[in-house]
Amino acid sequence: MKISTSTIRRLSIYLRQLENLQEEGLATVSSAHLAELAQVKDTQLRKDLSFFGSFGVRGRGYAVENLVNSIRSILGLDQEWK
């Protein structure tokens, strides 16, 4: 499956916003709130994340720490590169 460059670019934006929320001590975030922070539609956010699995719980949103770790892994930021 080919993931678009735009999706990867947006993942880095989502990650930056999630890390800010993490610093604020937020444990969960809705797709609507995260999408607003990232300046995308919430449907786009959910579509982008759906390429990589299921992360949220309907009616509860996303666990910020888990989503940060997942996106860091997707982007290859959880390992050292030579």
PDB file of N, CA and C in Angstrom:
ATOM      1  N   MET A   1       0.842  -1.175   0.000  1.00  0.00           N
ATOM      2  CA  MET A   1       0.000   0.000   0.000  1.00  0.00           C
ATOM      3  C   MET A   1       0.892   1.245   0.000  1.00  0.00           C
ATOM      4  N   LYS A   2       0.594   2.178  -0.869  1.00  0.00           N
ATOM      5  CA  LYS A   2       1.368   3.420  -0.979  1.00  0.00           C
ATOM      6  C   LYS A   2       0.691   4.511  -0.152  1.00  0.00           C
ATOM      7  N   ILE A   3       1.470   5.092   0.749  1.00  0.00           N
ATOM      8  CA  ILE A   3       0.970   6.190   1.577  1.00  0.00           C
ATOM      9  C   ILE A   3       1.457   7.495   0.951  1.00  0.00           C
ATOM     10  N   SER A   4       0.558   8.443   0.786  1.00  0.00           N
ATOM     11  CA  SER A   4       0.919   9.699   0.119  1.00  0.00           C
ATOM     12  C   SER A   4       1.869  10.536   0.980  1.00  0.00           C
ATOM     13  N   THR A   5       2.640  11.349   0.296  1.00  0.00           N
ATOM     14  CA  THR A   5       3.554  12.279   0.964  1.00  0.00           C
ATOM     15  C   THR A   5       2.776  13.246   1.848  1.00  0.00           C
ATOM     16  N   SER A   6       1.598  13.632   1.393  1.00  0.00           N
ATOM     17  CA  SER A   6       0.753  14.552   2.169  1.00  0.00           C
ATOM     18  C   SER A   6       0.352  13.933   3.507  1.00  0.00           C
ATOM     19  N   THR A   7       0.025  12.652   3.485  1.00  0.00           N
ATOM     20  CA  THR A   7      -0.343  11.958   4.721  1.00  0.00           C
ATOM     21  C   THR A   7       0.834  11.930   5.680  1.00  0.00           C
ATOM     22  N   ILE A   8       2.008  11.601   5.178  1.00  0.00           N
ATOM     23  CA  ILE A   8       3.208  11.557   6.031  1.00  0.00           C
ATOM     24  C   ILE A   8       3.493  12.940   6.601  1.00  0.00           C
ATOM     25  N   ARG A   9       3.352  13.967   5.786  1.00  0.00           N
ATOM     26  CA  ARG A   9       3.571  15.342   6.253  1.00  0.00           C
ATOM     27  C   ARG A   9       2.591  15.682   7.380  1.00  0.00           C
ATOM     28  N   ARG A  10       1.330  15.292   7.189  1.00  0.00           N
ATOM     29  CA  ARG A  10       0.328  15.581   8.219  1.00  0.00           C
ATOM     30  C   ARG A  10       0.615  14.792   9.494  1.00  0.00           C
ATOM     31  N   LEU A  11       1.148  13.579   9.376  1.00  0.00           N
ATOM     32  CA  LEU A  11       1.489  12.807  10.574  1.00  0.00           C
ATOM     33  C   LEU A  11       2.475  13.566  11.447  1.00  0.00           C
ATOM     34  N   SER A  12       3.447  14.225  10.823  1.00  0.00           N
ATOM     35  CA  SER A  12       4.421  14.980  11.612  1.00  0.00           C
ATOM     36  C   SER A  12       3.754  16.174  12.300  1.00  0.00           C
ATOM     37  N   ILE A  13       2.753  16.765  11.648  1.00  0.00           N
ATOM     38  CA  ILE A  13       1.992  17.860  12.267  1.00  0.00           C
ATOM     39  C   ILE A  13       1.184  17.327  13.442  1.00  0.00           C
ATOM     40  N   TYR A  14       0.531  16.182  13.249  1.00  0.00           N
ATOM     41  CA  TYR A  14      -0.242  15.583  14.339  1.00  0.00           C
ATOM     42  C   TYR A  14       0.676  15.288  15.524  1.00  0.00           C
ATOM     43  N   LEU A  15       1.850  14.751  15.226  1.00  0.00           N
ATOM     44  CA  LEU A  15       2.797  14.409  16.288  1.00  0.00           C
ATOM     45  C   LEU A  15       3.189  15.653  17.079  1.00  0.00           C
ATOM     46  N   ARG A  16       3.496  16.731  16.384  1.00  0.00           N
ATOM     47  CA  ARG A  16       3.887  17.974  17.062  1.00  0.00           C
ATOM     48  C   ARG A  16       2.769  18.457  17.985  1.00  0.00           C
ATOM     49  N   GLN A  17       1.535  18.418  17.499  1.00  0.00           N
ATOM     50  CA  GLN A  17       0.405  18.862  18.319  1.00  0.00           C
ATOM     51  C   GLN A  17       0.180  17.925  19.509  1.00  0.00           C
ATOM     52  N   LEU A  18       0.323  16.634  19.272  1.00  0.00           N
ATOM     53  CA  LEU A  18       0.160  15.667  20.363  1.00  0.00           C
ATOM     54  C   LEU A  18       1.223  15.852  21.432  1.00  0.00           C
ATOM     55  N   GLU A  19       2.457  16.137  21.018  1.00  0.00           N
ATOM     56  CA  GLU A  19       3.528  16.367  21.995  1.00  0.00           C
ATOM     57  C   GLU A  19       3.235  17.622  22.824  1.00  0.00           C
ATOM     58  N   ASN A  20       2.647  18.641  22.197  1.00  0.00           N
ATOM     59  CA  ASN A  20       2.237  19.840  22.944  1.00  0.00           C
ATOM     60  C   ASN A  20       1.156  19.498  23.960  1.00  0.00           C
ATOM     61  N   LEU A  21       0.185  18.689  23.543  1.00  0.00           N
ATOM     62  CA  LEU A  21      -0.885  18.272  24.457  1.00  0.00           C
ATOM     63  C   LEU A  21      -0.318  17.444  25.604  1.00  0.00           C
ATOM     64  N   GLN A  22       0.668  16.613  25.291  1.00  0.00           N
ATOM     65  CA  GLN A  22       1.315  15.785  26.305  1.00  0.00           C
ATOM     66  C   GLN A  22       2.001  16.678  27.341  1.00  0.00           C
ATOM     67  N   GLU A  23       2.672  17.725  26.879  1.00  0.00           N
ATOM     68  CA  GLU A  23       3.329  18.668  27.791  1.00  0.00           C
ATOM     69  C   GLU A  23       2.315  19.372  28.691  1.00  0.00           C
ATOM     70  N   GLU A  24       1.110  19.583  28.169  1.00  0.00           N
ATOM     71  CA  GLU A  24       0.046  20.209  28.949  1.00  0.00           C
ATOM     72  C   GLU A  24      -0.600  19.234  29.924  1.00  0.00           C
ATOM     73  N   GLY A  25      -0.227  17.964  29.834  1.00  0.00           N
ATOM     74  CA  GLY A  25      -0.750  16.957  30.742  1.00  0.00           C
ATOM     75  C   GLY A  25      -2.052  16.319  30.305  1.00  0.00           C
ATOM     76  N   LEU A  26      -2.445  16.508  29.050  1.00  0.00           N
ATOM     77  CA  LEU A  26      -3.685  15.927  28.546  1.00  0.00           C
ATOM     78  C   LEU A  26      -3.500  14.439  28.272  1.00  0.00           C
ATOM     79  N   ALA A  27      -4.402  13.619  28.778  1.00  0.00           N
ATOM     80  CA  ALA A  27      -4.295  12.168  28.608  1.00  0.00           C
ATOM     81  C   ALA A  27      -5.019  11.676  27.359  1.00  0.00           C
ATOM     82  N   THR A  28      -6.134  12.328  26.997  1.00  0.00           N
ATOM     83  CA  THR A  28      -6.896  11.927  25.815  1.00  0.00           C
ATOM     84  C   THR A  28      -7.259  13.161  25.007  1.00  0.00           C
ATOM     85  N   VAL A  29      -7.488  12.933  23.711  1.00  0.00           N
ATOM     86  CA  VAL A  29      -7.883  14.023  22.819  1.00  0.00           C
ATOM     87  C   VAL A  29      -8.852  13.468  21.784  1.00  0.00           C
ATOM     88  N   SER A  30      -9.852  14.263  21.445  1.00  0.00           N
ATOM     89  CA  SER A  30     -10.804  13.847  20.416  1.00  0.00           C
ATOM     90  C   SER A  30     -10.207  14.115  19.037  1.00  0.00           C
ATOM     91  N   SER A  31     -10.725  13.421  18.042  1.00  0.00           N
ATOM     92  CA  SER A  31     -10.255  13.662  16.681  1.00  0.00           C
ATOM     93  C   SER A  31     -10.593  15.091  16.255  1.00  0.00           C
ATOM     94  N   ALA A  32     -11.730  15.614  16.700  1.00  0.00           N
ATOM     95  CA  ALA A  32     -12.122  16.973  16.342  1.00  0.00           C
ATOM     96  C   ALA A  32     -11.137  18.001  16.906  1.00  0.00           C
ATOM     97  N   HIS A  33     -10.728  17.822  18.160  1.00  0.00           N
ATOM     98  CA  HIS A  33      -9.797  18.760  18.783  1.00  0.00           C
ATOM     99  C   HIS A  33      -8.415  18.673  18.144  1.00  0.00           C
ATOM    100  N   LEU A  34      -7.920  17.468  17.933  1.00  0.00           N
ATOM    101  CA  LEU A  34      -6.612  17.301  17.312  1.00  0.00           C
ATOM    102  C   LEU A  34      -6.622  17.849  15.880  1.00  0.00           C
ATOM    103  N   ALA A  35      -7.694  17.593  15.157  1.00  0.00           N
ATOM    104  CA  ALA A  35      -7.808  18.100  13.793  1.00  0.00           C
ATOM    105  C   ALA A  35      -7.818  19.629  13.778  1.00  0.00           C
ATOM    106  N   GLU A  36      -8.515  20.215  14.729  1.00  0.00           N
ATOM    107  CA  GLU A  36      -8.553  21.677  14.823  1.00  0.00           C
ATOM    108  C   GLU A  36      -7.144  22.230  15.062  1.00  0.00           C
ATOM    109  N   LEU A  37      -6.401  21.616  15.974  1.00  0.00           N
ATOM    110  CA  LEU A  37      -5.034  22.059  16.254  1.00  0.00           C
ATOM    111  C   LEU A  37      -4.131  21.918  15.032  1.00  0.00           C
ATOM    112  N   ALA A  38      -4.355  20.839  14.263  1.00  0.00           N
ATOM    113  CA  ALA A  38      -3.535  20.563  13.077  1.00  0.00           C
ATOM    114  C   ALA A  38      -4.053  21.292  11.833  1.00  0.00           C
ATOM    115  N   GLN A  39      -5.187  21.964  11.982  1.00  0.00           N
ATOM    116  CA  GLN A  39      -5.817  22.715  10.891  1.00  0.00           C
ATOM    117  C   GLN A  39      -6.178  21.835   9.700  1.00  0.00           C
ATOM    118  N   VAL A  40      -6.784  20.678  10.019  1.00  0.00           N
ATOM    119  CA  VAL A  40      -7.335  19.782   9.001  1.00  0.00           C
ATOM    120  C   VAL A  40      -8.746  19.397   9.447  1.00  0.00           C
ATOM    121  N   LYS A  41      -9.497  18.784   8.562  1.00  0.00           N
ATOM    122  CA  LYS A  41     -10.823  18.278   8.933  1.00  0.00           C
ATOM    123  C   LYS A  41     -10.653  17.005   9.746  1.00  0.00           C
ATOM    124  N   ASP A  42     -11.568  16.781  10.675  1.00  0.00           N
ATOM    125  CA  ASP A  42     -11.460  15.586  11.504  1.00  0.00           C
ATOM    126  C   ASP A  42     -11.596  14.308  10.681  1.00  0.00           C
ATOM    127  N   THR A  43     -12.344  14.375   9.591  1.00  0.00           N
ATOM    128  CA  THR A  43     -12.447  13.190   8.719  1.00  0.00           C
ATOM    129  C   THR A  43     -11.099  12.876   8.074  1.00  0.00           C
ATOM    130  N   GLN A  44     -10.335  13.916   7.721  1.00  0.00           N
ATOM    131  CA  GLN A  44      -9.000  13.720   7.137  1.00  0.00           C
ATOM    132  C   GLN A  44      -8.062  13.091   8.160  1.00  0.00           C
ATOM    133  N   LEU A  45      -8.110  13.579   9.377  1.00  0.00           N
ATOM    134  CA  LEU A  45      -7.276  13.038  10.447  1.00  0.00           C
ATOM    135  C   LEU A  45      -7.565  11.552  10.650  1.00  0.00           C
ATOM    136  N   ARG A  46      -8.844  11.204  10.761  1.00  0.00           N
ATOM    137  CA  ARG A  46      -9.205   9.802  10.974  1.00  0.00           C
ATOM    138  C   ARG A  46      -8.788   8.945   9.782  1.00  0.00           C
ATOM    139  N   LYS A  47      -8.933   9.464   8.570  1.00  0.00           N
ATOM    140  CA  LYS A  47      -8.520   8.731   7.371  1.00  0.00           C
ATOM    141  C   LYS A  47      -7.013   8.494   7.373  1.00  0.00           C
ATOM    142  N   ASP A  48      -6.251   9.554   7.695  1.00  0.00           N
ATOM    143  CA  ASP A  48      -4.790   9.425   7.734  1.00  0.00           C
ATOM    144  C   ASP A  48      -4.363   8.342   8.736  1.00  0.00           C
ATOM    145  N   LEU A  49      -4.946   8.380   9.915  1.00  0.00           N
ATOM    146  CA  LEU A  49      -4.558   7.410  10.940  1.00  0.00           C
ATOM    147  C   LEU A  49      -5.017   5.993  10.595  1.00  0.00           C
ATOM    148  N   SER A  50      -6.138   5.885   9.883  1.00  0.00           N
ATOM    149  CA  SER A  50      -6.681   4.561   9.565  1.00  0.00           C
ATOM    150  C   SER A  50      -5.763   3.752   8.640  1.00  0.00           C
ATOM    151  N   PHE A  51      -4.869   4.439   7.906  1.00  0.00           N
ATOM    152  CA  PHE A  51      -3.915   3.720   7.065  1.00  0.00           C
ATOM    153  C   PHE A  51      -3.001   2.817   7.898  1.00  0.00           C
ATOM    154  N   PHE A  52      -2.846   3.158   9.179  1.00  0.00           N
ATOM    155  CA  PHE A  52      -1.852   2.485  10.014  1.00  0.00           C
ATOM    156  C   PHE A  52      -2.458   1.660  11.136  1.00  0.00           C
ATOM    157  N   GLY A  53      -3.773   1.581  11.199  1.00  0.00           N
ATOM    158  CA  GLY A  53      -4.422   0.776  12.225  1.00  0.00           C
ATOM    159  C   GLY A  53      -5.527   1.551  12.921  1.00  0.00           C
ATOM    160  N   SER A  54      -5.959   1.003  14.037  1.00  0.00           N
ATOM    161  CA  SER A  54      -7.029   1.612  14.822  1.00  0.00           C
ATOM    162  C   SER A  54      -6.426   2.143  16.119  1.00  0.00           C
ATOM    163  N   PHE A  55      -6.596   3.427  16.374  1.00  0.00           N
ATOM    164  CA  PHE A  55      -5.939   4.038  17.523  1.00  0.00           C
ATOM    165  C   PHE A  55      -6.897   4.590  18.561  1.00  0.00           C
ATOM    166  N   GLY A  56      -8.058   5.036  18.152  1.00  0.00           N
ATOM    167  CA  GLY A  56      -8.974   5.696  19.069  1.00  0.00           C
ATOM    168  C   GLY A  56     -10.098   4.795  19.529  1.00  0.00           C
ATOM    169  N   VAL A  57     -10.849   5.310  20.492  1.00  0.00           N
ATOM    170  CA  VAL A  57     -12.041   4.633  20.993  1.00  0.00           C
ATOM    171  C   VAL A  57     -13.210   5.567  20.728  1.00  0.00           C
ATOM    172  N   ARG A  58     -14.193   5.077  19.996  1.00  0.00           N
ATOM    173  CA  ARG A  58     -15.356   5.900  19.643  1.00  0.00           C
ATOM    174  C   ARG A  58     -15.974   6.497  20.907  1.00  0.00           C
ATOM    175  N   GLY A  59     -16.180   7.808  20.871  1.00  0.00           N
ATOM    176  CA  GLY A  59     -16.786   8.500  22.005  1.00  0.00           C
ATOM    177  C   GLY A  59     -15.797   8.901  23.081  1.00  0.00           C
ATOM    178  N   ARG A  60     -14.559   8.413  23.000  1.00  0.00           N
ATOM    179  CA  ARG A  60     -13.545   8.739  24.004  1.00  0.00           C
ATOM    180  C   ARG A  60     -12.344   9.455  23.406  1.00  0.00           C
ATOM    181  N   GLY A  61     -12.059   9.192  22.156  1.00  0.00           N
ATOM    182  CA  GLY A  61     -10.923   9.835  21.506  1.00  0.00           C
ATOM    183  C   GLY A  61      -9.675   8.963  21.525  1.00  0.00           C
ATOM    184  N   TYR A  62      -8.547   9.641  21.497  1.00  0.00           N
ATOM    185  CA  TYR A  62      -7.248   8.964  21.418  1.00  0.00           C
ATOM    186  C   TYR A  62      -6.476   9.148  22.718  1.00  0.00           C
ATOM    187  N   ALA A  63      -5.806   8.095  23.154  1.00  0.00           N
ATOM    188  CA  ALA A  63      -4.880   8.213  24.279  1.00  0.00           C
ATOM    189  C   ALA A  63      -3.638   8.911  23.731  1.00  0.00           C
ATOM    190  N   VAL A  64      -3.355  10.098  24.247  1.00  0.00           N
ATOM    191  CA  VAL A  64      -2.294  10.945  23.699  1.00  0.00           C
ATOM    192  C   VAL A  64      -0.949  10.222  23.683  1.00  0.00           C
ATOM    193  N   GLU A  65      -0.552   9.644  24.810  1.00  0.00           N
ATOM    194  CA  GLU A  65       0.753   8.978  24.886  1.00  0.00           C
ATOM    195  C   GLU A  65       0.866   7.826  23.895  1.00  0.00           C
ATOM    196  N   ASN A  66      -0.176   7.011  23.793  1.00  0.00           N
ATOM    197  CA  ASN A  66      -0.154   5.884  22.855  1.00  0.00           C
ATOM    198  C   ASN A  66      -0.055   6.353  21.409  1.00  0.00           C
ATOM    199  N   LEU A  67      -0.801   7.421  21.086  1.00  0.00           N
ATOM    200  CA  LEU A  67      -0.774   7.924  19.719  1.00  0.00           C
ATOM    201  C   LEU A  67       0.577   8.560  19.392  1.00  0.00           C
ATOM    202  N   VAL A  68       1.175   9.253  20.359  1.00  0.00           N
ATOM    203  CA  VAL A  68       2.521   9.807  20.163  1.00  0.00           C
ATOM    204  C   VAL A  68       3.490   8.678  19.837  1.00  0.00           C
ATOM    205  N   ASN A  69       3.460   7.629  20.653  1.00  0.00           N
ATOM    206  CA  ASN A  69       4.377   6.494  20.443  1.00  0.00           C
ATOM    207  C   ASN A  69       4.130   5.816  19.099  1.00  0.00           C
ATOM    208  N   SER A  70       2.875   5.661  18.731  1.00  0.00           N
ATOM    209  CA  SER A  70       2.540   5.013  17.458  1.00  0.00           C
ATOM    210  C   SER A  70       3.015   5.834  16.266  1.00  0.00           C
ATOM    211  N   ILE A  71       2.768   7.138  16.298  1.00  0.00           N
ATOM    212  CA  ILE A  71       3.182   7.982  15.178  1.00  0.00           C
ATOM    213  C   ILE A  71       4.706   8.065  15.108  1.00  0.00           C
ATOM    214  N   ARG A  72       5.368   8.154  16.258  1.00  0.00           N
ATOM    215  CA  ARG A  72       6.846   8.160  16.258  1.00  0.00           C
ATOM    216  C   ARG A  72       7.371   6.876  15.618  1.00  0.00           C
ATOM    217  N   SER A  73       6.737   5.759  15.902  1.00  0.00           N
ATOM    218  CA  SER A  73       7.144   4.481  15.318  1.00  0.00           C
ATOM    219  C   SER A  73       6.891   4.465  13.813  1.00  0.00           C
ATOM    220  N   ILE A  74       5.724   4.935  13.391  1.00  0.00           N
ATOM    221  CA  ILE A  74       5.378   4.984  11.967  1.00  0.00           C
ATOM    222  C   ILE A  74       6.392   5.826  11.198  1.00  0.00           C
ATOM    223  N   LEU A  75       6.790   6.944  11.780  1.00  0.00           N
ATOM    224  CA  LEU A  75       7.723   7.861  11.133  1.00  0.00           C
ATOM    225  C   LEU A  75       9.192   7.435  11.283  1.00  0.00           C
ATOM    226  N   GLY A  76       9.411   6.366  12.062  1.00  0.00           N
ATOM    227  CA  GLY A  76      10.776   5.879  12.249  1.00  0.00           C
ATOM    228  C   GLY A  76      11.579   6.723  13.223  1.00  0.00           C
ATOM    229  N   LEU A  77      10.885   7.445  14.090  1.00  0.00           N
ATOM    230  CA  LEU A  77      11.570   8.306  15.060  1.00  0.00           C
ATOM    231  C   LEU A  77      11.862   7.605  16.374  1.00  0.00           C
ATOM    232  N   ASP A  78      11.488   6.340  16.456  1.00  0.00           N
ATOM    233  CA  ASP A  78      11.709   5.581  17.688  1.00  0.00           C
ATOM    234  C   ASP A  78      12.980   4.737  17.632  1.00  0.00           C
ATOM    235  N   GLN A  79      13.802   4.996  16.620  1.00  0.00           N
ATOM    236  CA  GLN A  79      15.052   4.248  16.479  1.00  0.00           C
ATOM    237  C   GLN A  79      16.162   5.178  16.004  1.00  0.00           C
ATOM    238  N   GLU A  80      17.383   4.765  16.225  1.00  0.00           N
ATOM    239  CA  GLU A  80      18.512   5.569  15.778  1.00  0.00           C
ATOM    240  C   GLU A  80      18.897   5.158  14.359  1.00  0.00           C
ATOM    241  N   TRP A  81      19.193   6.150  13.542  1.00  0.00           N
ATOM    242  CA  TRP A  81      19.579   5.914  12.157  1.00  0.00           C
ATOM    243  C   TRP A  81      21.024   6.355  11.973  1.00  0.00           C
ATOM    244  N   LYS A  82      21.758   5.608  11.170  1.00  0.00           N
ATOM    245  CA  LYS A  82      23.146   5.990  10.886  1.00  0.00           C
ATOM    246  C   LYS A  82      23.196   6.998   9.764  1.00  0.00           C
TER     247      LYS A  82
END
